[in-house]
Amino acid sequence: MLKYLFLVGALTCLSLTGCGASGADEPAPLKLKDAASVDVPLEIKTLTSRNIRSRTFSAFKLGEAGARAAEALPALEKLADGPSGPEHPDQKAAAEAIEKIKASQLAADGNS
């Protein structure tokens, strides 16, 4: 029975995008369904959480919010420059969020 469950799990995994040897080096990027609903002040506070997953997901959500999250740039820069190193998940997410927010700001300025 255990072998059967393992086989079903493995086949399911291989059928999913970005799982196993699907030919793609990286999985498809995550996207929020509704980036407009991101509570920017709350996510800024969460960037200082003791929980790395909370910090990482907050940084991700702020990046998805784009130019609306411009006020988060100082907090994101502080997190990105933290002592753990640039490959730490929360710091990497913060650096990516900074890039997304700045790109969104440039695009908004270009459309004005």
PDB file of N, CA and C in Angstrom:
ATOM      1  N   MET A   1       0.826  -1.198   0.000  1.00  0.00           N
ATOM      2  CA  MET A   1       0.000   0.000   0.000  1.00  0.00           C
ATOM      3  C   MET A   1       0.867   1.257   0.000  1.00  0.00           C
ATOM      4  N   LEU A   2       1.939   1.242   0.801  1.00  0.00           N
ATOM      5  CA  LEU A   2       2.826   2.395   0.878  1.00  0.00           C
ATOM      6  C   LEU A   2       3.499   2.656  -0.468  1.00  0.00           C
ATOM      7  N   LYS A   3       3.897   1.569  -1.163  1.00  0.00           N
ATOM      8  CA  LYS A   3       4.516   1.735  -2.479  1.00  0.00           C
ATOM      9  C   LYS A   3       3.535   2.363  -3.463  1.00  0.00           C
ATOM     10  N   TYR A   4       2.267   1.956  -3.373  1.00  0.00           N
ATOM     11  CA  TYR A   4       1.243   2.509  -4.241  1.00  0.00           C
ATOM     12  C   TYR A   4       1.061   4.005  -3.995  1.00  0.00           C
ATOM     13  N   LEU A   5       0.985   4.407  -2.739  1.00  0.00           N
ATOM     14  CA  LEU A   5       0.821   5.822  -2.403  1.00  0.00           C
ATOM     15  C   LEU A   5       2.014   6.635  -2.874  1.00  0.00           C
ATOM     16  N   PHE A   6       3.215   6.068  -2.722  1.00  0.00           N
ATOM     17  CA  PHE A   6       4.418   6.759  -3.180  1.00  0.00           C
ATOM     18  C   PHE A   6       4.374   6.949  -4.690  1.00  0.00           C
ATOM     19  N   LEU A   7       3.979   5.894  -5.416  1.00  0.00           N
ATOM     20  CA  LEU A   7       3.915   5.961  -6.869  1.00  0.00           C
ATOM     21  C   LEU A   7       2.885   6.994  -7.323  1.00  0.00           C
ATOM     22  N   VAL A   8       1.726   7.009  -6.700  1.00  0.00           N
ATOM     23  CA  VAL A   8       0.692   7.988  -7.046  1.00  0.00           C
ATOM     24  C   VAL A   8       1.206   9.403  -6.773  1.00  0.00           C
ATOM     25  N   GLY A   9       1.862   9.591  -5.634  1.00  0.00           N
ATOM     26  CA  GLY A   9       2.424  10.905  -5.307  1.00  0.00           C
ATOM     27  C   GLY A   9       3.481  11.337  -6.298  1.00  0.00           C
ATOM     28  N   ALA A  10       4.351  10.414  -6.691  1.00  0.00           N
ATOM     29  CA  ALA A  10       5.411  10.741  -7.645  1.00  0.00           C
ATOM     30  C   ALA A  10       4.827  11.101  -8.998  1.00  0.00           C
ATOM     31  N   LEU A  11       3.833  10.343  -9.463  1.00  0.00           N
ATOM     32  CA  LEU A  11       3.207  10.645 -10.751  1.00  0.00           C
ATOM     33  C   LEU A  11       2.472  11.973 -10.714  1.00  0.00           C
ATOM     34  N   THR A  12       1.828  12.258  -9.610  1.00  0.00           N
ATOM     35  CA  THR A  12       1.149  13.543  -9.460  1.00  0.00           C
ATOM     36  C   THR A  12       2.157  14.677  -9.493  1.00  0.00           C
ATOM     37  N   CYS A  13       3.265  14.494  -8.807  1.00  0.00           N
ATOM     38  CA  CYS A  13       4.309  15.518  -8.773  1.00  0.00           C
ATOM     39  C   CYS A  13       4.857  15.782 -10.160  1.00  0.00           C
ATOM     40  N   LEU A  14       5.113  14.717 -10.919  1.00  0.00           N
ATOM     41  CA  LEU A  14       5.673  14.890 -12.252  1.00  0.00           C
ATOM     42  C   LEU A  14       4.703  15.559 -13.206  1.00  0.00           C
ATOM     43  N   SER A  15       3.407  15.466 -12.922  1.00  0.00           N
ATOM     44  CA  SER A  15       2.426  16.088 -13.803  1.00  0.00           C
ATOM     45  C   SER A  15       2.262  17.581 -13.524  1.00  0.00           C
ATOM     46  N   LEU A  16       2.788  18.052 -12.395  1.00  0.00           N
ATOM     47  CA  LEU A  16       2.667  19.463 -12.038  1.00  0.00           C
ATOM     48  C   LEU A  16       3.786  20.277 -12.663  1.00  0.00           C
ATOM     49  N   THR A  17       3.515  21.503 -13.018  1.00  0.00           N
ATOM     50  CA  THR A  17       4.521  22.391 -13.588  1.00  0.00           C
ATOM     51  C   THR A  17       5.592  22.699 -12.557  1.00  0.00           C
ATOM     52  N   GLY A  18       6.844  22.633 -12.969  1.00  0.00           N
ATOM     53  CA  GLY A  18       7.945  22.996 -12.085  1.00  0.00           C
ATOM     54  C   GLY A  18       8.310  21.933 -11.086  1.00  0.00           C
ATOM     55  N   CYS A  19       7.799  20.728 -11.227  1.00  0.00           N
ATOM     56  CA  CYS A  19       8.086  19.657 -10.283  1.00  0.00           C
ATOM     57  C   CYS A  19       8.790  18.533 -11.027  1.00  0.00           C
ATOM     58  N   GLY A  20       9.921  18.095 -10.540  1.00  0.00           N
ATOM     59  CA  GLY A  20      10.625  16.990 -11.168  1.00  0.00           C
ATOM     60  C   GLY A  20      11.282  17.416 -12.462  1.00  0.00           C
ATOM     61  N   ALA A  21      11.442  16.462 -13.358  1.00  0.00           N
ATOM     62  CA  ALA A  21      12.137  16.697 -14.620  1.00  0.00           C
ATOM     63  C   ALA A  21      11.152  17.135 -15.692  1.00  0.00           C
ATOM     64  N   SER A  22      10.575  18.277 -15.558  1.00  0.00           N
ATOM     65  CA  SER A  22       9.576  18.766 -16.505  1.00  0.00           C
ATOM     66  C   SER A  22      10.204  19.579 -17.631  1.00  0.00           C
ATOM     67  N   GLY A  23      11.510  19.709 -17.611  1.00  0.00           N
ATOM     68  CA  GLY A  23      12.171  20.482 -18.639  1.00  0.00           C
ATOM     69  C   GLY A  23      12.387  21.933 -18.252  1.00  0.00           C
ATOM     70  N   ALA A  24      11.747  22.390 -17.225  1.00  0.00           N
ATOM     71  CA  ALA A  24      11.911  23.775 -16.771  1.00  0.00           C
ATOM     72  C   ALA A  24      12.918  23.803 -15.632  1.00  0.00           C
ATOM     73  N   ASP A  25      13.802  24.777 -15.672  1.00  0.00           N
ATOM     74  CA  ASP A  25      14.795  24.905 -14.609  1.00  0.00           C
ATOM     75  C   ASP A  25      14.183  25.437 -13.327  1.00  0.00           C
ATOM     76  N   GLU A  26      13.170  26.283 -13.452  1.00  0.00           N
ATOM     77  CA  GLU A  26      12.554  26.896 -12.281  1.00  0.00           C
ATOM     78  C   GLU A  26      11.036  26.828 -12.417  1.00  0.00           C
ATOM     79  N   PRO A  27      10.351  26.730 -11.283  1.00  0.00           N
ATOM     80  CA  PRO A  27       8.884  26.738 -11.356  1.00  0.00           C
ATOM     81  C   PRO A  27       8.374  28.104 -11.791  1.00  0.00           C
ATOM     82  N   ALA A  28       7.144  28.118 -12.240  1.00  0.00           N
ATOM     83  CA  ALA A  28       6.520  29.382 -12.645  1.00  0.00           C
ATOM     84  C   ALA A  28       6.477  30.321 -11.447  1.00  0.00           C
ATOM     85  N   PRO A  29       6.696  31.621 -11.661  1.00  0.00           N
ATOM     86  CA  PRO A  29       6.676  32.562 -10.543  1.00  0.00           C
ATOM     87  C   PRO A  29       5.294  32.649  -9.903  1.00  0.00           C
ATOM     88  N   LEU A  30       5.290  32.863  -8.607  1.00  0.00           N
ATOM     89  CA  LEU A  30       4.035  33.023  -7.884  1.00  0.00           C
ATOM     90  C   LEU A  30       3.434  34.385  -8.193  1.00  0.00           C
ATOM     91  N   LYS A  31       2.144  34.447  -8.182  1.00  0.00           N
ATOM     92  CA  LYS A  31       1.421  35.709  -8.369  1.00  0.00           C
ATOM     93  C   LYS A  31       0.275  35.747  -7.376  1.00  0.00           C
ATOM     94  N   LEU A  32       0.017  36.902  -6.821  1.00  0.00           N
ATOM     95  CA  LEU A  32      -1.150  37.079  -5.966  1.00  0.00           C
ATOM     96  C   LEU A  32      -2.370  37.251  -6.842  1.00  0.00           C
ATOM     97  N   LYS A  33      -3.492  36.693  -6.400  1.00  0.00           N
ATOM     98  CA  LYS A  33      -4.730  36.854  -7.163  1.00  0.00           C
ATOM     99  C   LYS A  33      -5.179  38.304  -7.175  1.00  0.00           C
ATOM    100  N   ASP A  34      -4.985  38.992  -6.054  1.00  0.00           N
ATOM    101  CA  ASP A  34      -5.456  40.369  -5.955  1.00  0.00           C
ATOM    102  C   ASP A  34      -4.408  41.216  -5.235  1.00  0.00           C
ATOM    103  N   ALA A  35      -3.427  41.688  -5.983  1.00  0.00           N
ATOM    104  CA  ALA A  35      -2.354  42.494  -5.397  1.00  0.00           C
ATOM    105  C   ALA A  35      -2.880  43.802  -4.832  1.00  0.00           C
ATOM    106  N   ALA A  36      -4.034  44.252  -5.304  1.00  0.00           N
ATOM    107  CA  ALA A  36      -4.607  45.505  -4.815  1.00  0.00           C
ATOM    108  C   ALA A  36      -5.103  45.377  -3.376  1.00  0.00           C
ATOM    109  N   SER A  37      -5.282  44.144  -2.909  1.00  0.00           N
ATOM    110  CA  SER A  37      -5.800  43.957  -1.552  1.00  0.00           C
ATOM    111  C   SER A  37      -4.697  43.864  -0.497  1.00  0.00           C
ATOM    112  N   VAL A  38      -3.443  44.011  -0.902  1.00  0.00           N
ATOM    113  CA  VAL A  38      -2.335  43.935   0.050  1.00  0.00           C
ATOM    114  C   VAL A  38      -2.423  45.090   1.044  1.00  0.00           C
ATOM    115  N   ASP A  39      -2.410  44.764   2.321  1.00  0.00           N
ATOM    116  CA  ASP A  39      -2.446  45.765   3.392  1.00  0.00           C
ATOM    117  C   ASP A  39      -1.001  46.215   3.643  1.00  0.00           C
ATOM    118  N   VAL A  40      -0.583  47.259   2.951  1.00  0.00           N
ATOM    119  CA  VAL A  40       0.811  47.700   2.980  1.00  0.00           C
ATOM    120  C   VAL A  40       1.310  47.999   4.398  1.00  0.00           C
ATOM    121  N   PRO A  41       0.606  48.784   5.220  1.00  0.00           N
ATOM    122  CA  PRO A  41       1.111  49.048   6.576  1.00  0.00           C
ATOM    123  C   PRO A  41       1.289  47.770   7.409  1.00  0.00           C
ATOM    124  N   LEU A  42       0.358  46.840   7.283  1.00  0.00           N
ATOM    125  CA  LEU A  42       0.468  45.579   8.024  1.00  0.00           C
ATOM    126  C   LEU A  42       1.679  44.777   7.551  1.00  0.00           C
ATOM    127  N   GLU A  43       1.898  44.724   6.245  1.00  0.00           N
ATOM    128  CA  GLU A  43       3.026  43.961   5.713  1.00  0.00           C
ATOM    129  C   GLU A  43       4.360  44.607   6.095  1.00  0.00           C
ATOM    130  N   ILE A  44       4.394  45.926   6.195  1.00  0.00           N
ATOM    131  CA  ILE A  44       5.617  46.602   6.641  1.00  0.00           C
ATOM    132  C   ILE A  44       5.938  46.185   8.066  1.00  0.00           C
ATOM    133  N   LYS A  45       4.922  46.136   8.931  1.00  0.00           N
ATOM    134  CA  LYS A  45       5.138  45.702  10.317  1.00  0.00           C
ATOM    135  C   LYS A  45       5.633  44.255  10.362  1.00  0.00           C
ATOM    136  N   THR A  46       5.102  43.421   9.494  1.00  0.00           N
ATOM    137  CA  THR A  46       5.447  42.003   9.495  1.00  0.00           C
ATOM    138  C   THR A  46       6.888  41.769   9.043  1.00  0.00           C
ATOM    139  N   LEU A  47       7.470  42.718   8.348  1.00  0.00           N
ATOM    140  CA  LEU A  47       8.870  42.572   7.922  1.00  0.00           C
ATOM    141  C   LEU A  47       9.831  42.456   9.109  1.00  0.00           C
ATOM    142  N   THR A  48       9.386  42.869  10.290  1.00  0.00           N
ATOM    143  CA  THR A  48      10.240  42.781  11.483  1.00  0.00           C
ATOM    144  C   THR A  48       9.876  41.589  12.368  1.00  0.00           C
ATOM    145  N   SER A  49       9.010  40.716  11.865  1.00  0.00           N
ATOM    146  CA  SER A  49       8.601  39.527  12.617  1.00  0.00           C
ATOM    147  C   SER A  49       9.797  38.633  12.915  1.00  0.00           C
ATOM    148  N   ARG A  50       9.694  37.851  13.973  1.00  0.00           N
ATOM    149  CA  ARG A  50      10.745  36.878  14.292  1.00  0.00           C
ATOM    150  C   ARG A  50      10.640  35.651  13.389  1.00  0.00           C
ATOM    151  N   ASN A  51       9.523  35.501  12.692  1.00  0.00           N
ATOM    152  CA  ASN A  51       9.275  34.341  11.845  1.00  0.00           C
ATOM    153  C   ASN A  51       9.759  34.625  10.419  1.00  0.00           C
ATOM    154  N   ILE A  52      10.713  33.836   9.957  1.00  0.00           N
ATOM    155  CA  ILE A  52      11.296  34.064   8.630  1.00  0.00           C
ATOM    156  C   ILE A  52      10.270  33.891   7.520  1.00  0.00           C
ATOM    157  N   ARG A  53       9.350  32.938   7.673  1.00  0.00           N
ATOM    158  CA  ARG A  53       8.334  32.742   6.637  1.00  0.00           C
ATOM    159  C   ARG A  53       7.409  33.947   6.541  1.00  0.00           C
ATOM    160  N   SER A  54       7.074  34.508   7.671  1.00  0.00           N
ATOM    161  CA  SER A  54       6.222  35.705   7.671  1.00  0.00           C
ATOM    162  C   SER A  54       6.930  36.859   6.990  1.00  0.00           C
ATOM    163  N   ARG A  55       8.206  37.057   7.326  1.00  0.00           N
ATOM    164  CA  ARG A  55       8.979  38.143   6.693  1.00  0.00           C
ATOM    165  C   ARG A  55       9.085  37.929   5.191  1.00  0.00           C
ATOM    166  N   THR A  56       9.361  36.697   4.795  1.00  0.00           N
ATOM    167  CA  THR A  56       9.530  36.383   3.379  1.00  0.00           C
ATOM    168  C   THR A  56       8.250  36.628   2.605  1.00  0.00           C
ATOM    169  N   PHE A  57       7.113  36.138   3.131  1.00  0.00           N
ATOM    170  CA  PHE A  57       5.848  36.296   2.416  1.00  0.00           C
ATOM    171  C   PHE A  57       5.406  37.756   2.395  1.00  0.00           C
ATOM    172  N   SER A  58       5.677  38.495   3.458  1.00  0.00           N
ATOM    173  CA  SER A  58       5.335  39.919   3.468  1.00  0.00           C
ATOM    174  C   SER A  58       6.134  40.674   2.415  1.00  0.00           C
ATOM    175  N   ALA A  59       7.412  40.363   2.312  1.00  0.00           N
ATOM    176  CA  ALA A  59       8.233  41.005   1.281  1.00  0.00           C
ATOM    177  C   ALA A  59       7.690  40.674  -0.104  1.00  0.00           C
ATOM    178  N   PHE A  60       7.338  39.409  -0.317  1.00  0.00           N
ATOM    179  CA  PHE A  60       6.766  39.000  -1.596  1.00  0.00           C
ATOM    180  C   PHE A  60       5.492  39.787  -1.907  1.00  0.00           C
ATOM    181  N   LYS A  61       4.587  39.881  -0.920  1.00  0.00           N
ATOM    182  CA  LYS A  61       3.324  40.585  -1.136  1.00  0.00           C
ATOM    183  C   LYS A  61       3.557  42.066  -1.422  1.00  0.00           C
ATOM    184  N   LEU A  62       4.508  42.673  -0.739  1.00  0.00           N
ATOM    185  CA  LEU A  62       4.807  44.085  -0.996  1.00  0.00           C
ATOM    186  C   LEU A  62       5.336  44.273  -2.412  1.00  0.00           C
ATOM    187  N   GLY A  63       6.159  43.361  -2.865  1.00  0.00           N
ATOM    188  CA  GLY A  63       6.649  43.440  -4.244  1.00  0.00           C
ATOM    189  C   GLY A  63       5.520  43.331  -5.246  1.00  0.00           C
ATOM    190  N   GLU A  64       4.568  42.436  -4.974  1.00  0.00           N
ATOM    191  CA  GLU A  64       3.420  42.276  -5.866  1.00  0.00           C
ATOM    192  C   GLU A  64       2.526  43.515  -5.864  1.00  0.00           C
ATOM    193  N   ALA A  65       2.506  44.248  -4.757  1.00  0.00           N
ATOM    194  CA  ALA A  65       1.691  45.464  -4.681  1.00  0.00           C
ATOM    195  C   ALA A  65       2.252  46.577  -5.556  1.00  0.00           C
ATOM    196  N   GLY A  66       3.519  46.475  -5.907  1.00  0.00           N
ATOM    197  CA  GLY A  66       4.119  47.452  -6.816  1.00  0.00           C
ATOM    198  C   GLY A  66       4.259  48.832  -6.220  1.00  0.00           C
ATOM    199  N   ALA A  67       3.989  49.841  -7.024  1.00  0.00           N
ATOM    200  CA  ALA A  67       4.183  51.242  -6.621  1.00  0.00           C
ATOM    201  C   ALA A  67       3.366  51.616  -5.392  1.00  0.00           C
ATOM    202  N   ARG A  68       2.250  50.916  -5.159  1.00  0.00           N
ATOM    203  CA  ARG A  68       1.448  51.196  -3.960  1.00  0.00           C
ATOM    204  C   ARG A  68       2.240  50.950  -2.682  1.00  0.00           C
ATOM    205  N   ALA A  69       3.296  50.135  -2.766  1.00  0.00           N
ATOM    206  CA  ALA A  69       4.086  49.790  -1.589  1.00  0.00           C
ATOM    207  C   ALA A  69       5.378  50.599  -1.498  1.00  0.00           C
ATOM    208  N   ALA A  70       5.421  51.741  -2.151  1.00  0.00           N
ATOM    209  CA  ALA A  70       6.637  52.570  -2.144  1.00  0.00           C
ATOM    210  C   ALA A  70       7.068  52.941  -0.724  1.00  0.00           C
ATOM    211  N   GLU A  71       6.108  53.131   0.164  1.00  0.00           N
ATOM    212  CA  GLU A  71       6.454  53.495   1.540  1.00  0.00           C
ATOM    213  C   GLU A  71       7.183  52.369   2.275  1.00  0.00           C
ATOM    214  N   ALA A  72       7.164  51.160   1.710  1.00  0.00           N
ATOM    215  CA  ALA A  72       7.833  50.016   2.328  1.00  0.00           C
ATOM    216  C   ALA A  72       9.316  49.931   1.952  1.00  0.00           C
ATOM    217  N   LEU A  73       9.762  50.747   1.018  1.00  0.00           N
ATOM    218  CA  LEU A  73      11.149  50.646   0.544  1.00  0.00           C
ATOM    219  C   LEU A  73      12.193  50.740   1.660  1.00  0.00           C
ATOM    220  N   PRO A  74      12.096  51.686   2.598  1.00  0.00           N
ATOM    221  CA  PRO A  74      13.110  51.723   3.662  1.00  0.00           C
ATOM    222  C   PRO A  74      13.156  50.429   4.490  1.00  0.00           C
ATOM    223  N   ALA A  75      11.992  49.887   4.835  1.00  0.00           N
ATOM    224  CA  ALA A  75      11.946  48.654   5.626  1.00  0.00           C
ATOM    225  C   ALA A  75      12.461  47.467   4.815  1.00  0.00           C
ATOM    226  N   LEU A  76      12.133  47.428   3.530  1.00  0.00           N
ATOM    227  CA  LEU A  76      12.623  46.355   2.675  1.00  0.00           C
ATOM    228  C   LEU A  76      14.139  46.430   2.497  1.00  0.00           C
ATOM    229  N   GLU A  77      14.662  47.647   2.348  1.00  0.00           N
ATOM    230  CA  GLU A  77      16.111  47.819   2.209  1.00  0.00           C
ATOM    231  C   GLU A  77      16.832  47.393   3.476  1.00  0.00           C
ATOM    232  N   LYS A  78      16.242  47.693   4.629  1.00  0.00           N
ATOM    233  CA  LYS A  78      16.836  47.279   5.894  1.00  0.00           C
ATOM    234  C   LYS A  78      16.871  45.752   5.991  1.00  0.00           C
ATOM    235  N   LEU A  79      15.778  45.102   5.593  1.00  0.00           N
ATOM    236  CA  LEU A  79      15.731  43.640   5.621  1.00  0.00           C
ATOM    237  C   LEU A  79      16.706  43.047   4.609  1.00  0.00           C
ATOM    238  N   ALA A  80      16.761  43.600   3.413  1.00  0.00           N
ATOM    239  CA  ALA A  80      17.642  43.081   2.367  1.00  0.00           C
ATOM    240  C   ALA A  80      19.112  43.187   2.751  1.00  0.00           C
ATOM    241  N   ASP A  81      19.466  44.179   3.545  1.00  0.00           N
ATOM    242  CA  ASP A  81      20.859  44.390   3.952  1.00  0.00           C
ATOM    243  C   ASP A  81      21.187  43.746   5.285  1.00  0.00           C
ATOM    244  N   GLY A  82      20.318  42.871   5.764  1.00  0.00           N
ATOM    245  CA  GLY A  82      20.498  42.232   7.075  1.00  0.00           C
ATOM    246  C   GLY A  82      21.757  41.381   7.169  1.00  0.00           C
ATOM    247  N   PRO A  83      22.048  40.877   8.363  1.00  0.00           N
ATOM    248  CA  PRO A  83      23.297  40.171   8.612  1.00  0.00           C
ATOM    249  C   PRO A  83      23.357  38.743   8.084  1.00  0.00           C
ATOM    250  N   SER A  84      22.228  38.168   7.652  1.00  0.00           N
ATOM    251  CA  SER A  84      22.216  36.755   7.268  1.00  0.00           C
ATOM    252  C   SER A  84      22.837  36.480   5.909  1.00  0.00           C
ATOM    253  N   GLY A  85      22.873  37.448   5.044  1.00  0.00           N
ATOM    254  CA  GLY A  85      23.429  37.257   3.712  1.00  0.00           C
ATOM    255  C   GLY A  85      22.355  37.296   2.648  1.00  0.00           C
ATOM    256  N   PRO A  86      22.723  37.657   1.419  1.00  0.00           N
ATOM    257  CA  PRO A  86      21.749  37.872   0.352  1.00  0.00           C
ATOM    258  C   PRO A  86      21.017  36.611  -0.110  1.00  0.00           C
ATOM    259  N   GLU A  87      21.509  35.426   0.247  1.00  0.00           N
ATOM    260  CA  GLU A  87      20.833  34.196  -0.161  1.00  0.00           C
ATOM    261  C   GLU A  87      19.813  33.717   0.865  1.00  0.00           C
ATOM    262  N   HIS A  88      19.702  34.409   1.975  1.00  0.00           N
ATOM    263  CA  HIS A  88      18.701  34.068   2.981  1.00  0.00           C
ATOM    264  C   HIS A  88      17.330  34.354   2.368  1.00  0.00           C
ATOM    265  N   PRO A  89      16.341  33.464   2.497  1.00  0.00           N
ATOM    266  CA  PRO A  89      15.063  33.639   1.789  1.00  0.00           C
ATOM    267  C   PRO A  89      14.371  34.983   2.010  1.00  0.00           C
ATOM    268  N   ASP A  90      14.372  35.474   3.244  1.00  0.00           N
ATOM    269  CA  ASP A  90      13.687  36.742   3.490  1.00  0.00           C
ATOM    270  C   ASP A  90      14.434  37.907   2.857  1.00  0.00           C
ATOM    271  N   GLN A  91      15.750  37.850   2.894  1.00  0.00           N
ATOM    272  CA  GLN A  91      16.539  38.935   2.293  1.00  0.00           C
ATOM    273  C   GLN A  91      16.441  38.902   0.770  1.00  0.00           C
ATOM    274  N   LYS A  92      16.399  37.706   0.210  1.00  0.00           N
ATOM    275  CA  LYS A  92      16.247  37.574  -1.237  1.00  0.00           C
ATOM    276  C   LYS A  92      14.874  38.099  -1.662  1.00  0.00           C
ATOM    277  N   ALA A  93      13.826  37.760  -0.905  1.00  0.00           N
ATOM    278  CA  ALA A  93      12.476  38.247  -1.214  1.00  0.00           C
ATOM    279  C   ALA A  93      12.408  39.771  -1.100  1.00  0.00           C
ATOM    280  N   ALA A  94      13.095  40.326  -0.102  1.00  0.00           N
ATOM    281  CA  ALA A  94      13.109  41.781   0.069  1.00  0.00           C
ATOM    282  C   ALA A  94      13.801  42.455  -1.113  1.00  0.00           C
ATOM    283  N   ALA A  95      14.927  41.902  -1.546  1.00  0.00           N
ATOM    284  CA  ALA A  95      15.647  42.478  -2.689  1.00  0.00           C
ATOM    285  C   ALA A  95      14.793  42.422  -3.956  1.00  0.00           C
ATOM    286  N   GLU A  96      14.098  41.304  -4.149  1.00  0.00           N
ATOM    287  CA  GLU A  96      13.225  41.183  -5.318  1.00  0.00           C
ATOM    288  C   GLU A  96      12.048  42.162  -5.230  1.00  0.00           C
ATOM    289  N   ALA A  97      11.520  42.352  -4.028  1.00  0.00           N
ATOM    290  CA  ALA A  97      10.406  43.289  -3.840  1.00  0.00           C
ATOM    291  C   ALA A  97      10.850  44.717  -4.162  1.00  0.00           C
ATOM    292  N   ILE A  98      12.051  45.073  -3.731  1.00  0.00           N
ATOM    293  CA  ILE A  98      12.579  46.413  -4.022  1.00  0.00           C
ATOM    294  C   ILE A  98      12.639  46.634  -5.531  1.00  0.00           C
ATOM    295  N   GLU A  99      13.146  45.641  -6.250  1.00  0.00           N
ATOM    296  CA  GLU A  99      13.239  45.748  -7.708  1.00  0.00           C
ATOM    297  C   GLU A  99      11.854  45.914  -8.335  1.00  0.00           C
ATOM    298  N   LYS A 100      10.882  45.114  -7.873  1.00  0.00           N
ATOM    299  CA  LYS A 100       9.526  45.185  -8.430  1.00  0.00           C
ATOM    300  C   LYS A 100       8.873  46.532  -8.151  1.00  0.00           C
ATOM    301  N   ILE A 101       9.040  47.024  -6.941  1.00  0.00           N
ATOM    302  CA  ILE A 101       8.423  48.309  -6.578  1.00  0.00           C
ATOM    303  C   ILE A 101       9.033  49.438  -7.401  1.00  0.00           C
ATOM    304  N   LYS A 102      10.353  49.446  -7.502  1.00  0.00           N
ATOM    305  CA  LYS A 102      11.014  50.504  -8.281  1.00  0.00           C
ATOM    306  C   LYS A 102      10.646  50.422  -9.759  1.00  0.00           C
ATOM    307  N   ALA A 103      10.560  49.211 -10.312  1.00  0.00           N
ATOM    308  CA  ALA A 103      10.165  49.056 -11.710  1.00  0.00           C
ATOM    309  C   ALA A 103       8.728  49.529 -11.919  1.00  0.00           C
ATOM    310  N   SER A 104       7.873  49.230 -10.955  1.00  0.00           N
ATOM    311  CA  SER A 104       6.482  49.660 -11.028  1.00  0.00           C
ATOM    312  C   SER A 104       6.378  51.189 -10.955  1.00  0.00           C
ATOM    313  N   GLN A 105       7.208  51.794 -10.123  1.00  0.00           N
ATOM    314  CA  GLN A 105       7.223  53.254 -10.014  1.00  0.00           C
ATOM    315  C   GLN A 105       7.666  53.883 -11.346  1.00  0.00           C
ATOM    316  N   LEU A 106       8.705  53.298 -11.956  1.00  0.00           N
ATOM    317  CA  LEU A 106       9.189  53.826 -13.238  1.00  0.00           C
ATOM    318  C   LEU A 106       8.127  53.702 -14.320  1.00  0.00           C
ATOM    319  N   ALA A 107       7.434  52.560 -14.320  1.00  0.00           N
ATOM    320  CA  ALA A 107       6.378  52.350 -15.314  1.00  0.00           C
ATOM    321  C   ALA A 107       5.233  53.342 -15.093  1.00  0.00           C
ATOM    322  N   ALA A 108       4.894  53.579 -13.846  1.00  0.00           N
ATOM    323  CA  ALA A 108       3.820  54.533 -13.531  1.00  0.00           C
ATOM    324  C   ALA A 108       4.221  55.948 -13.939  1.00  0.00           C
ATOM    325  N   ASP A 109       5.482  56.296 -13.707  1.00  0.00           N
ATOM    326  CA  ASP A 109       5.968  57.629 -14.078  1.00  0.00           C
ATOM    327  C   ASP A 109       6.004  57.786 -15.606  1.00  0.00           C
ATOM    328  N   GLY A 110       6.307  56.699 -16.291  1.00  0.00           N
ATOM    329  CA  GLY A 110       6.365  56.733 -17.746  1.00  0.00           C
ATOM    330  C   GLY A 110       4.993  56.857 -18.376  1.00  0.00           C
ATOM    331  N   ASN A 111       3.977  56.375 -17.690  1.00  0.00           N
ATOM    332  CA  ASN A 111       2.600  56.461 -18.205  1.00  0.00           C
ATOM    333  C   ASN A 111       1.929  57.775 -17.864  1.00  0.00           C
ATOM    334  N   SER A 112       2.550  58.594 -17.061  1.00  0.00           N
ATOM    335  CA  SER A 112       1.928  59.869 -16.648  1.00  0.00           C
ATOM    336  C   SER A 112       2.179  60.956 -17.648  1.00  0.00           C
TER     337      SER A 112
END
